[in-house]
Amino acid sequence: MLPFISSLIRKKEFQDFAGVCRGIYRVIDGVNQPQLIKDNLIDQFKQEKQISTLNVQRETLKKVDQQQQQSIQQQNNKLDQQNKDQNQRKSIEQDQQSNDQQSQIPSPSPINKQFTENKVPQTAIGRVYEFGSLGVSLATNAMKTMVTQKNISFRQALVSEENASILAKGLCKMRGAPLKLAQALSIQEDEVIPKHIRQAFEQARQNADIMPQKQLEKMLKQELGSDWMSKFKEFELKPFAAASIGQVHEAITTQGKRVAVKIQYPGVKEAIDSDLNNLKRLMEYTNLFPKTMFLDKLIANTRKELHEECDYKIEAAKQINYRKLFGNQPEFAIPEVFNDLSTTRILTAEYLYGDTIDFAAENYPQHLRNEIGRRVMSLTLQELFKFRTMQTDPNPSNFYFDRNNNKLILLDFGAVHEYTKPFMDNYIGVIYAAIIQDRKECLQRSVDLGFLTGEESIRMKEAHVDSIICVGEPFRYQGEFDFGEQQMTKKIYELMPVMLKYRMRPPPPEIYSLHRKLSGAYLMNMRLKTKVNCRDIFMNLYEQYIKLQ
């Protein structure tokens, strides 16, 4: 039997050890039970056949399942492609619609502003004389008004519309500190300053007189040297803008760069203190402002700002810093400073083109106006709660929109202020309290900030908190807040008489500049009649602010 077993081992089907064992078992067992071997072989064949059938079925099901999965994936891909095509068509249609709307926007008229040319009074005696002349003119005209109109007081005559026009012309001629203060007062409420006086201040701010060419060239020689013209390929002697402390000219550098050259009026820096003192006397003489306006504090704050703003090297540094802060955000554009063409009284920067806010308000479609408004609000809140550094001059002429490159252009960085973290902790707290309408927190934060002493009457405290909650309305509103239909201004006007009457202390120094900008941001949105989701902008920054605590 062993030779027979050896022959089996050599067979191919018994090469492995398991096969050898099975072969030995079958041979030994088959000697006595040949029928069992047969039956086992038949059963094994059936079992293998069943297994083979199951495997075939499994493979068939697997193929069917794969086909179904492929079919489903193809359908999903088809739906995705259809959605993608639909979104692309929608995007193209929106872009086309936007382009069509933009193509319908007329081109702005060429700047052809007519300025009044007046020599800037430089000496202290000359400026005192101008203030004296202005005061005499106001008093003389008031007396005439009292003669022609019965039952009118001297103060009423002093603040008449005709005197408002005389005051505006006088400020335009003086420029410098008087015009700067008028700029700050032009955004006050009617309850604080009569509407026609405020409009006169606004007119003065928009229409400052310019220097005669002789005075202009003297400033250029003094600051850039007698060969100043050699530093430019072209220089336009007629300015395209005039403000409180300087006028702006267009020029082209020797390298072919188009630039804006801001030139300070002579004598305004040296006359800041005397001008403000004389202006204070004039304001007190006319009794134009209520005592709770705290004119002393307003003038003191203006004095500090002006001394810094009259140094254009400081402004250049601030502008360079702003390019670092916002330069990586594609929504904004800030002109590059040319240090080699800048001094303490001349600031030369890149000339950027864009449409004015007034032009946008009159000619832009709603979605573009909304976008400008959103960027103004985003800028304002980032300045406060992200960088604690704010450009606080809300003059609309400091903002232009470049629709070709889709950028909001930011200009004029003389009035940039920085704020401490403790102050901003309380300020963001009071805004958040206004959003959730936590009156107790609003009141406590106001005391911490220095708005209130805490000893005010209940009526004053209630009015103050009401005003905060009112101002916080755009940040509380769910969705797009409609600045064109807002009622904040009306509500604040109703509260102003109470606050002016019962106010016990002036606002903290930081608030003069901060609220000037915040009010300006609101007013620009009102002018543009925008719809902006201010809540989302604030809450995103608020969450980031809290995480950094």
Protein backbone atom coordinates (compact mmCIF):
# COMPACT_ATOMS: atom_id res chain seq x y z
CA MET A 1 0.00 0.00 0.00
CA LEU A 2 2.88 2.43 0.72
CA PRO A 3 4.13 2.48 -2.89
CA PHE A 4 0.58 3.23 -3.96
CA ILE A 5 0.42 6.08 -1.45
CA SER A 6 3.76 7.43 -2.73
CA SER A 7 2.41 7.48 -6.24
CA LEU A 8 -0.58 9.49 -5.04
CA ILE A 9 1.62 12.04 -3.26
CA ARG A 10 3.47 12.68 -6.50
CA LYS A 11 0.23 13.53 -8.24
CA LYS A 12 -0.42 17.20 -8.74
CA GLU A 13 -3.71 17.30 -6.78
CA PHE A 14 -1.85 16.17 -3.60
CA GLN A 15 1.18 18.44 -3.68
CA ASP A 16 0.24 20.37 -0.55
CA PHE A 17 0.17 18.87 2.90
CA ALA A 18 -3.60 19.11 3.32
CA GLY A 19 -4.07 17.28 0.03
CA VAL A 20 -1.73 14.51 1.18
CA CYS A 21 -3.70 14.02 4.39
CA ARG A 22 -7.02 13.88 2.59
CA GLY A 23 -5.60 11.41 0.05
CA ILE A 24 -4.31 9.10 2.79
CA TYR A 25 -7.66 9.23 4.60
CA ARG A 26 -9.64 8.42 1.46
CA VAL A 27 -7.33 5.52 0.46
CA ILE A 28 -7.41 3.90 3.89
CA ASP A 29 -11.13 4.46 4.35
CA GLY A 30 -11.96 3.51 0.77
CA VAL A 31 -10.43 0.04 1.15
CA ASN A 32 -13.30 -0.89 3.46
CA GLN A 33 -16.01 1.56 2.21
CA PRO A 34 -15.88 2.09 -1.56
CA GLN A 35 -19.55 3.28 -1.65
CA LEU A 36 -18.83 5.98 0.93
CA ILE A 37 -16.04 7.37 -1.22
CA LYS A 38 -18.39 7.55 -4.11
CA ASP A 39 -21.10 9.25 -2.05
CA ASN A 40 -18.56 11.73 -0.63
CA LEU A 41 -17.30 12.56 -4.06
CA ILE A 42 -20.85 13.17 -5.27
CA ASP A 43 -21.65 15.37 -2.25
CA GLN A 44 -18.41 17.30 -2.72
CA PHE A 45 -19.23 17.83 -6.36
CA LYS A 46 -22.74 19.10 -5.49
CA GLN A 47 -21.34 21.38 -2.81
CA GLU A 48 -18.72 22.78 -5.13
CA LYS A 49 -21.41 23.28 -7.77
CA GLN A 50 -23.62 25.15 -5.27
CA ILE A 51 -20.69 27.30 -4.20
CA SER A 52 -19.89 28.01 -7.82
CA THR A 53 -23.54 28.96 -8.48
CA LEU A 54 -23.56 31.26 -5.43
CA ASN A 55 -20.33 32.86 -6.58
CA VAL A 56 -21.82 33.46 -10.02
CA GLN A 57 -24.92 34.97 -8.42
CA ARG A 58 -22.78 37.17 -6.20
CA GLU A 59 -20.75 38.36 -9.16
CA THR A 60 -23.96 39.04 -11.10
CA LEU A 61 -25.43 41.03 -8.20
CA LYS A 62 -22.14 42.87 -7.77
CA LYS A 63 -22.13 43.82 -11.44
CA VAL A 64 -25.77 44.92 -11.27
CA ASP A 65 -25.01 46.97 -8.14
CA GLN A 66 -21.98 48.54 -9.82
CA GLN A 67 -24.06 49.38 -12.85
CA GLN A 68 -26.74 50.94 -10.65
CA GLN A 69 -24.10 52.95 -8.74
CA GLN A 70 -22.58 54.09 -12.03
CA SER A 71 -26.03 55.07 -13.28
CA ILE A 72 -26.75 57.01 -10.07
CA GLN A 73 -23.34 58.70 -10.23
CA GLN A 74 -23.92 59.62 -13.85
CA GLN A 75 -27.30 61.09 -12.95
CA ASN A 76 -25.72 63.02 -10.05
CA ASN A 77 -22.95 64.27 -12.32
CA LYS A 78 -25.54 65.28 -14.86
CA LEU A 79 -27.54 67.16 -12.19
CA ASP A 80 -24.35 68.79 -10.86
CA GLN A 81 -23.41 69.87 -14.35
CA GLN A 82 -26.92 71.20 -14.93
CA ASN A 83 -26.77 73.14 -11.63
CA LYS A 84 -23.30 74.37 -12.51
CA ASP A 85 -24.45 75.47 -15.95
CA GLN A 86 -27.52 77.11 -14.41
CA ASN A 87 -25.37 78.95 -11.83
CA GLN A 88 -22.95 80.01 -14.54
CA ARG A 89 -25.82 81.30 -16.66
CA LYS A 90 -27.26 83.08 -13.62
CA SER A 91 -23.86 84.56 -12.78
CA ILE A 92 -23.36 85.63 -16.39
CA GLU A 93 -26.84 87.15 -16.42
CA GLN A 94 -26.15 88.97 -13.14
CA ASP A 95 -22.79 90.19 -14.44
CA GLN A 96 -24.45 91.21 -17.68
CA GLN A 97 -27.20 92.97 -15.77
CA SER A 98 -24.61 94.69 -13.57
CA ASN A 99 -22.56 95.66 -16.64
CA ASP A 100 -25.71 96.91 -18.37
CA GLN A 101 -26.59 98.97 -15.31
CA GLN A 102 -23.05 100.31 -15.05
CA SER A 103 -22.99 101.09 -18.75
CA GLN A 104 -26.10 103.18 -18.18
CA ILE A 105 -24.33 105.26 -15.52
CA PRO A 106 -23.42 108.55 -17.17
CA SER A 107 -19.85 109.77 -17.12
CA PRO A 108 -19.27 112.40 -14.45
CA SER A 109 -18.93 115.95 -15.67
CA PRO A 110 -15.37 117.29 -15.82
CA ILE A 111 -14.29 119.07 -12.66
CA ASN A 112 -14.64 122.76 -13.35
CA LYS A 113 -15.13 124.18 -9.89
CA GLN A 114 -14.98 127.94 -9.59
CA PHE A 115 -12.95 129.06 -6.59
CA THR A 116 -12.75 132.53 -5.10
CA GLU A 117 -9.15 133.70 -5.00
CA ASN A 118 -8.25 135.47 -1.75
CA LYS A 119 -4.93 136.10 -0.11
CA VAL A 120 -4.63 134.14 3.10
CA PRO A 121 -4.07 136.53 6.05
CA GLN A 122 -0.76 135.37 7.52
CA THR A 123 0.15 137.72 10.37
CA ALA A 124 -1.51 137.64 13.80
CA ILE A 125 -2.59 141.27 13.38
CA GLY A 126 -4.05 140.55 9.95
CA ARG A 127 -6.09 137.59 11.23
CA VAL A 128 -7.32 139.51 14.31
CA TYR A 129 -8.42 142.28 11.95
CA GLU A 130 -10.38 139.77 9.84
CA PHE A 131 -12.14 138.41 12.95
CA GLY A 132 -12.93 141.97 14.07
CA SER A 133 -14.32 142.84 10.66
CA LEU A 134 -16.44 139.70 10.67
CA GLY A 135 -17.85 140.52 14.11
CA VAL A 136 -18.66 144.11 13.10
CA SER A 137 -20.37 142.91 9.91
CA LEU A 138 -22.53 140.45 11.87
CA ALA A 139 -23.49 143.07 14.48
CA THR A 140 -24.23 145.77 11.88
CA ASN A 141 -26.43 143.48 9.84
CA ALA A 142 -28.22 142.31 13.01
CA MET A 143 -29.04 145.94 13.88
CA LYS A 144 -30.43 146.54 10.40
CA THR A 145 -32.57 143.41 10.72
CA MET A 146 -33.97 144.65 14.06
CA VAL A 147 -34.92 147.96 12.47
CA THR A 148 -36.73 146.37 9.53
CA GLN A 149 -38.34 143.55 11.51
CA LYS A 150 -40.34 144.23 14.65
CA ASN A 151 -40.48 141.96 17.71
CA ILE A 152 -37.15 140.29 17.00
CA SER A 153 -34.35 139.93 19.56
CA PHE A 154 -30.72 140.81 18.93
CA ARG A 155 -29.72 137.13 19.19
CA GLN A 156 -32.38 136.15 16.66
CA ALA A 157 -31.08 138.85 14.34
CA LEU A 158 -27.49 137.67 14.83
CA VAL A 159 -28.35 134.12 13.70
CA SER A 160 -30.49 135.18 10.74
CA GLU A 161 -30.02 133.52 7.36
CA GLU A 162 -28.35 136.64 5.97
CA ASN A 163 -25.83 136.67 8.83
CA ALA A 164 -25.26 132.95 8.28
CA SER A 165 -24.15 133.76 4.73
CA ILE A 166 -21.83 136.54 6.01
CA LEU A 167 -20.33 134.10 8.54
CA ALA A 168 -19.74 131.45 5.87
CA LYS A 169 -17.93 133.90 3.58
CA GLY A 170 -15.77 135.11 6.47
CA LEU A 171 -14.76 131.56 7.39
CA CYS A 172 -13.96 130.76 3.76
CA LYS A 173 -11.60 133.74 3.65
CA MET A 174 -9.94 132.94 6.99
CA ARG A 175 -9.47 129.19 6.35
CA GLY A 176 -7.40 127.29 8.90
CA ALA A 177 -8.80 126.75 12.41
CA PRO A 178 -12.09 128.66 11.94
CA LEU A 179 -12.99 126.62 8.89
CA LYS A 180 -11.92 123.40 10.60
CA LEU A 181 -14.23 124.11 13.52
CA ALA A 182 -17.04 124.90 11.11
CA GLN A 183 -16.44 121.49 9.53
CA ALA A 184 -16.90 119.84 12.94
CA LEU A 185 -20.06 121.83 13.63
CA SER A 186 -21.60 121.21 10.21
CA ILE A 187 -22.69 117.68 11.23
CA GLN A 188 -24.42 118.76 14.44
CA GLU A 189 -28.17 118.37 14.86
CA ASP A 190 -30.58 121.23 14.21
CA GLU A 191 -31.45 121.31 17.93
CA VAL A 192 -27.82 122.21 18.70
CA ILE A 193 -27.23 124.66 15.86
CA PRO A 194 -29.97 126.31 13.77
CA LYS A 195 -30.31 124.56 10.43
CA HIS A 196 -29.41 127.58 8.28
CA ILE A 197 -26.25 128.20 10.38
CA ARG A 198 -25.26 124.54 10.01
CA GLN A 199 -25.83 124.80 6.26
CA ALA A 200 -23.64 127.89 6.20
CA PHE A 201 -20.87 125.91 7.91
CA GLU A 202 -21.32 123.14 5.34
CA GLN A 203 -21.08 125.70 2.53
CA ALA A 204 -17.90 127.10 4.08
CA ARG A 205 -16.43 123.62 4.31
CA GLN A 206 -17.15 122.90 0.65
CA ASN A 207 -16.03 126.25 -0.76
CA ALA A 208 -12.83 127.43 0.88
CA ASP A 209 -11.09 130.25 -0.94
CA ILE A 210 -7.80 129.51 -2.71
CA MET A 211 -4.43 131.25 -2.59
CA PRO A 212 -3.40 133.72 -5.30
CA GLN A 213 -0.71 132.27 -7.58
CA LYS A 214 1.97 134.49 -6.02
CA GLN A 215 1.31 133.05 -2.57
CA LEU A 216 1.14 129.53 -4.00
CA GLU A 217 4.52 129.78 -5.74
CA LYS A 218 6.06 131.25 -2.60
CA MET A 219 4.95 128.18 -0.63
CA LEU A 220 6.29 125.81 -3.30
CA LYS A 221 9.70 127.54 -3.36
CA GLN A 222 9.85 127.60 0.42
CA GLU A 223 9.11 123.88 0.76
CA LEU A 224 10.58 122.26 -2.39
CA GLY A 225 13.27 124.77 -3.32
CA SER A 226 13.57 127.48 -5.93
CA ASP A 227 13.83 124.79 -8.62
CA TRP A 228 10.56 123.12 -7.52
CA MET A 229 9.23 123.00 -11.08
CA SER A 230 12.11 120.76 -12.16
CA LYS A 231 10.74 118.08 -9.83
CA PHE A 232 7.62 117.75 -12.01
CA LYS A 233 7.00 117.10 -15.67
CA GLU A 234 3.69 118.98 -15.41
CA PHE A 235 2.03 121.01 -12.64
CA GLU A 236 -1.50 122.44 -12.74
CA LEU A 237 -1.45 125.83 -10.99
CA LYS A 238 -5.24 125.86 -10.63
CA PRO A 239 -6.28 123.59 -7.72
CA PHE A 240 -9.03 121.00 -8.11
CA ALA A 241 -9.89 121.00 -4.38
CA ALA A 242 -9.64 123.40 -1.44
CA ALA A 243 -10.18 122.53 2.22
CA SER A 244 -9.70 124.05 5.67
CA ILE A 245 -5.90 124.03 5.86
CA GLY A 246 -4.73 123.40 2.30
CA GLN A 247 -5.54 123.17 -1.41
CA VAL A 248 -4.79 120.33 -3.83
CA HIS A 249 -3.18 120.44 -7.28
CA GLU A 250 -2.80 117.82 -9.99
CA ALA A 251 0.72 117.15 -11.31
CA ILE A 252 2.87 114.60 -13.14
CA THR A 253 6.27 113.60 -11.75
CA THR A 254 9.42 113.37 -13.84
CA GLN A 255 8.89 109.58 -13.81
CA GLY A 256 5.45 110.05 -15.39
CA LYS A 257 3.37 109.34 -12.25
CA ARG A 258 0.16 111.32 -11.87
CA VAL A 259 0.02 112.77 -8.36
CA ALA A 260 -2.08 115.00 -6.11
CA VAL A 261 -0.06 117.73 -4.35
CA LYS A 262 -1.63 119.14 -1.18
CA ILE A 263 -0.20 122.53 -0.22
CA GLN A 264 -0.87 124.09 3.16
CA TYR A 265 -2.08 127.68 3.39
CA PRO A 266 0.63 129.99 4.74
CA GLY A 267 0.25 131.13 8.32
CA VAL A 268 -2.56 128.77 9.37
CA LYS A 269 -0.28 126.61 11.51
CA GLU A 270 1.13 129.57 13.43
CA ALA A 271 -2.33 131.11 13.90
CA ILE A 272 -4.14 128.05 15.33
CA ASP A 273 -4.19 129.20 18.95
CA SER A 274 -5.06 132.85 18.31
CA ASP A 275 -7.67 131.89 15.71
CA LEU A 276 -9.48 129.54 18.06
CA ASN A 277 -9.38 132.07 20.90
CA ASN A 278 -10.84 134.75 18.63
CA LEU A 279 -13.43 132.34 17.26
CA LYS A 280 -14.47 131.40 20.79
CA ARG A 281 -15.04 135.07 21.62
CA LEU A 282 -17.11 135.47 18.46
CA MET A 283 -19.24 132.43 19.29
CA GLU A 284 -19.78 133.61 22.87
CA TYR A 285 -20.59 137.12 21.63
CA THR A 286 -23.30 135.80 19.31
CA ASN A 287 -24.52 133.41 22.05
CA LEU A 288 -24.92 130.87 19.25
CA PHE A 289 -24.45 127.69 21.28
CA PRO A 290 -26.15 126.45 24.45
CA LYS A 291 -23.92 126.03 27.51
CA THR A 292 -24.39 122.26 27.43
CA MET A 293 -22.61 122.27 24.04
CA PHE A 294 -19.38 122.66 26.11
CA LEU A 295 -17.76 124.93 23.52
CA ASP A 296 -14.55 125.11 25.59
CA LYS A 297 -14.05 121.35 25.31
CA LEU A 298 -14.88 121.32 21.61
CA ILE A 299 -12.37 124.09 20.90
CA ALA A 300 -9.70 122.42 23.06
CA ASN A 301 -10.14 119.18 21.14
CA THR A 302 -10.04 121.03 17.79
CA ARG A 303 -6.86 122.83 18.89
CA LYS A 304 -5.09 119.54 19.63
CA GLU A 305 -6.16 117.97 16.34
CA LEU A 306 -5.15 120.96 14.24
CA HIS A 307 -1.62 121.18 15.63
CA GLU A 308 -1.08 117.60 14.53
CA GLU A 309 -2.89 117.89 11.20
CA CYS A 310 -0.74 120.85 10.17
CA ASP A 311 2.34 118.61 10.10
CA TYR A 312 2.07 116.78 6.77
CA LYS A 313 4.98 114.48 7.65
CA ILE A 314 2.83 113.05 10.43
CA GLU A 315 -0.07 112.68 8.00
CA ALA A 316 2.20 110.93 5.48
CA ALA A 317 3.23 108.40 8.15
CA LYS A 318 -0.42 107.78 9.02
CA GLN A 319 -1.29 107.27 5.36
CA ILE A 320 1.55 104.78 4.92
CA ASN A 321 0.30 102.92 8.01
CA TYR A 322 -3.22 102.79 6.61
CA ARG A 323 -1.90 101.19 3.43
CA LYS A 324 -0.42 98.48 5.65
CA LEU A 325 -3.67 98.01 7.58
CA PHE A 326 -6.07 97.98 4.62
CA GLY A 327 -3.78 97.50 1.62
CA ASN A 328 -4.37 93.74 1.51
CA GLN A 329 -8.16 94.18 1.34
CA PRO A 330 -9.22 94.33 -2.34
CA GLU A 331 -12.28 96.44 -1.49
CA PHE A 332 -10.20 99.53 -0.69
CA ALA A 333 -7.53 101.66 -2.35
CA ILE A 334 -5.20 104.08 -0.53
CA PRO A 335 -2.84 106.36 -2.48
CA GLU A 336 0.90 105.77 -2.27
CA VAL A 337 2.88 108.59 -0.65
CA PHE A 338 5.85 110.17 -2.49
CA ASN A 339 8.19 111.06 0.38
CA ASP A 340 10.74 112.78 -1.87
CA LEU A 341 8.06 115.32 -2.89
CA SER A 342 6.59 115.79 0.61
CA THR A 343 7.51 118.11 3.47
CA THR A 344 5.85 119.34 6.67
CA ARG A 345 3.63 121.65 4.54
CA ILE A 346 3.38 119.73 1.26
CA LEU A 347 2.06 116.20 0.84
CA THR A 348 2.36 114.46 -2.53
CA ALA A 349 0.53 111.19 -3.14
CA GLU A 350 -0.70 109.00 -5.98
CA TYR A 351 -3.66 110.46 -7.87
CA LEU A 352 -6.54 107.95 -7.84
CA TYR A 353 -9.66 108.38 -9.97
CA GLY A 354 -13.23 107.67 -8.93
CA ASP A 355 -16.79 108.96 -8.68
CA THR A 356 -17.85 111.16 -5.78
CA ILE A 357 -20.38 110.00 -3.18
CA ASP A 358 -22.80 112.67 -4.44
CA PHE A 359 -22.46 111.39 -8.02
CA ALA A 360 -23.01 107.79 -6.87
CA ALA A 361 -26.10 108.83 -4.89
CA GLU A 362 -27.64 110.40 -7.97
CA ASN A 363 -26.58 107.93 -10.67
CA TYR A 364 -25.68 104.49 -9.30
CA PRO A 365 -28.13 101.55 -9.25
CA GLN A 366 -29.26 100.26 -5.84
CA HIS A 367 -26.87 97.29 -5.61
CA LEU A 368 -23.82 99.49 -6.24
CA ARG A 369 -24.95 102.06 -3.68
CA ASN A 370 -25.52 99.22 -1.21
CA GLU A 371 -21.99 97.98 -1.83
CA ILE A 372 -20.45 101.40 -1.19
CA GLY A 373 -22.48 101.73 2.01
CA ARG A 374 -21.46 98.27 3.18
CA ARG A 375 -17.80 99.09 2.66
CA VAL A 376 -18.11 102.39 4.52
CA MET A 377 -19.66 100.57 7.50
CA SER A 378 -17.13 97.73 7.32
CA LEU A 379 -14.27 100.25 7.21
CA THR A 380 -15.64 102.20 10.19
CA LEU A 381 -16.14 99.13 12.37
CA GLN A 382 -12.78 97.60 11.42
CA GLU A 383 -11.07 100.85 12.31
CA LEU A 384 -12.66 100.73 15.76
CA PHE A 385 -12.71 97.09 16.76
CA LYS A 386 -9.93 95.52 14.70
CA PHE A 387 -7.23 98.19 14.54
CA ARG A 388 -8.34 100.79 17.14
CA THR A 389 -7.15 103.38 14.60
CA MET A 390 -9.65 105.61 12.83
CA GLN A 391 -9.62 108.29 10.16
CA THR A 392 -12.15 110.59 11.81
CA ASP A 393 -12.92 113.09 9.06
CA PRO A 394 -16.27 111.99 7.53
CA ASN A 395 -16.14 114.56 4.72
CA PRO A 396 -17.72 112.74 1.72
CA SER A 397 -15.00 114.25 -0.48
CA ASN A 398 -12.55 111.91 1.28
CA PHE A 399 -14.29 108.91 -0.33
CA TYR A 400 -14.47 108.05 -4.02
CA PHE A 401 -15.61 104.91 -5.80
CA ASP A 402 -13.57 103.50 -8.67
CA ARG A 403 -16.16 101.40 -10.51
CA ASN A 404 -13.66 100.24 -13.14
CA ASN A 405 -11.50 98.54 -10.52
CA ASN A 406 -14.29 98.02 -7.96
CA LYS A 407 -12.51 99.87 -5.14
CA LEU A 408 -13.52 102.42 -2.51
CA ILE A 409 -10.80 105.08 -2.53
CA LEU A 410 -9.82 106.51 0.88
CA LEU A 411 -8.20 109.95 1.12
CA ASP A 412 -6.92 112.46 3.71
CA PHE A 413 -5.35 110.93 6.81
CA GLY A 414 -4.58 114.03 8.83
CA ALA A 415 -7.37 113.33 11.32
CA VAL A 416 -6.34 109.77 12.24
CA HIS A 417 -6.73 108.88 15.91
CA GLU A 418 -5.76 105.86 17.96
CA TYR A 419 -7.81 104.55 20.88
CA THR A 420 -6.77 102.62 23.97
CA LYS A 421 -7.96 99.08 24.57
CA PRO A 422 -9.76 99.91 27.88
CA PHE A 423 -11.74 102.64 26.10
CA MET A 424 -12.61 100.33 23.21
CA ASP A 425 -13.58 97.49 25.57
CA ASN A 426 -16.25 99.74 27.05
CA TYR A 427 -17.27 101.21 23.71
CA ILE A 428 -17.86 97.86 22.01
CA GLY A 429 -19.66 96.83 25.19
CA VAL A 430 -22.08 99.73 25.01
CA ILE A 431 -22.88 98.99 21.34
CA TYR A 432 -23.49 95.32 22.11
CA ALA A 433 -25.71 96.34 25.04
CA ALA A 434 -27.66 98.57 22.63
CA ILE A 435 -28.10 95.63 20.24
CA ILE A 436 -29.55 93.34 22.92
CA GLN A 437 -31.33 96.33 24.48
CA ASP A 438 -29.80 95.83 27.91
CA ARG A 439 -30.60 99.26 29.39
CA LYS A 440 -28.77 98.63 32.66
CA GLU A 441 -25.57 97.68 30.83
CA CYS A 442 -25.91 100.69 28.50
CA LEU A 443 -26.10 102.98 31.51
CA GLN A 444 -23.16 101.39 33.34
CA ARG A 445 -20.94 101.40 30.25
CA SER A 446 -21.81 105.08 29.68
CA VAL A 447 -20.63 105.92 33.20
CA ASP A 448 -17.45 103.85 32.67
CA LEU A 449 -16.77 105.68 29.41
CA GLY A 450 -17.33 109.10 30.97
CA PHE A 451 -20.54 110.08 29.19
CA LEU A 452 -22.36 110.36 32.49
CA THR A 453 -21.40 111.03 36.09
CA GLY A 454 -24.03 108.65 37.39
CA GLU A 455 -25.67 111.49 39.32
CA GLU A 456 -27.90 112.69 36.48
CA SER A 457 -31.66 112.82 36.80
CA ILE A 458 -33.72 109.78 35.89
CA ARG A 459 -35.09 111.70 32.92
CA MET A 460 -31.58 112.41 31.62
CA LYS A 461 -30.46 108.81 32.11
CA GLU A 462 -33.52 107.49 30.30
CA ALA A 463 -33.01 109.89 27.38
CA HIS A 464 -29.32 108.99 27.17
CA VAL A 465 -30.00 105.24 27.08
CA ASP A 466 -32.82 105.78 24.57
CA SER A 467 -30.38 107.63 22.30
CA ILE A 468 -27.81 104.81 22.51
CA ILE A 469 -30.40 102.14 21.69
CA CYS A 470 -31.63 104.32 18.83
CA VAL A 471 -28.13 104.76 17.36
CA GLY A 472 -27.58 100.98 17.69
CA GLU A 473 -30.64 100.20 15.56
CA PRO A 474 -28.72 99.43 12.31
CA PHE A 475 -26.63 96.85 14.20
CA ARG A 476 -29.69 95.32 15.88
CA TYR A 477 -31.81 94.97 12.75
CA GLN A 478 -32.01 91.43 11.31
CA GLY A 479 -31.21 91.62 7.59
CA GLU A 480 -30.55 94.68 5.45
CA PHE A 481 -31.18 97.94 7.29
CA ASP A 482 -32.79 100.55 5.03
CA PHE A 483 -30.94 103.82 5.63
CA GLY A 484 -33.18 105.56 3.12
CA GLU A 485 -36.23 104.91 5.31
CA GLN A 486 -34.57 105.16 8.74
CA GLN A 487 -36.26 106.97 11.62
CA MET A 488 -33.17 107.32 13.83
CA THR A 489 -32.65 110.99 13.04
CA LYS A 490 -36.20 111.88 14.03
CA LYS A 491 -35.94 109.93 17.30
CA ILE A 492 -32.60 111.53 18.20
CA TYR A 493 -33.98 115.02 17.47
CA GLU A 494 -36.82 114.32 19.89
CA LEU A 495 -34.32 113.33 22.61
CA MET A 496 -31.80 116.15 22.06
CA PRO A 497 -33.60 118.93 24.02
CA VAL A 498 -33.68 116.78 27.17
CA MET A 499 -30.02 115.78 26.89
CA LEU A 500 -28.89 119.34 26.18
CA LYS A 501 -30.85 120.64 29.14
CA TYR A 502 -29.81 118.07 31.76
CA ARG A 503 -26.31 117.06 30.61
CA MET A 504 -23.86 117.43 33.53
CA ARG A 505 -20.54 116.81 31.80
CA PRO A 506 -19.02 116.92 28.31
CA PRO A 507 -18.46 113.61 26.51
CA PRO A 508 -15.04 111.94 26.83
CA PRO A 509 -12.34 113.48 24.58
CA GLU A 510 -12.21 110.42 22.29
CA ILE A 511 -15.89 110.79 21.45
CA TYR A 512 -15.53 114.11 19.60
CA SER A 513 -13.56 112.50 16.81
CA LEU A 514 -15.10 109.02 16.97
CA HIS A 515 -18.71 110.14 16.75
CA ARG A 516 -17.83 112.59 14.01
CA LYS A 517 -16.78 109.63 11.86
CA LEU A 518 -19.63 107.33 12.94
CA SER A 519 -22.18 110.07 12.24
CA GLY A 520 -20.53 110.65 8.88
CA ALA A 521 -20.76 106.94 8.01
CA TYR A 522 -24.48 106.97 8.83
CA LEU A 523 -25.03 110.18 6.85
CA MET A 524 -23.24 108.81 3.79
CA ASN A 525 -25.48 105.74 3.86
CA MET A 526 -28.52 107.97 4.25
CA ARG A 527 -27.35 110.08 1.32
CA LEU A 528 -26.88 106.93 -0.79
CA LYS A 529 -30.17 105.43 0.48
CA THR A 530 -28.46 102.11 1.02
CA LYS A 531 -29.66 98.77 2.40
CA VAL A 532 -26.86 97.21 4.44
CA ASN A 533 -26.66 94.22 6.80
CA CYS A 534 -24.84 96.12 9.54
CA ARG A 535 -25.60 93.47 12.17
CA ASP A 536 -23.53 90.77 10.44
CA ILE A 537 -20.59 93.15 9.99
CA PHE A 538 -20.63 94.10 13.68
CA MET A 539 -21.27 90.61 15.08
CA ASN A 540 -18.39 89.08 13.08
CA LEU A 541 -16.00 91.71 14.43
CA TYR A 542 -17.50 91.43 17.94
CA GLU A 543 -16.87 87.66 18.02
CA GLN A 544 -13.28 88.18 16.88
CA TYR A 545 -12.82 90.92 19.49
CA ILE A 546 -14.11 88.71 22.32
CA LYS A 547 -11.87 85.79 21.28
CA LEU A 548 -8.80 88.00 21.63
CA GLN A 549 -9.64 88.97 25.23
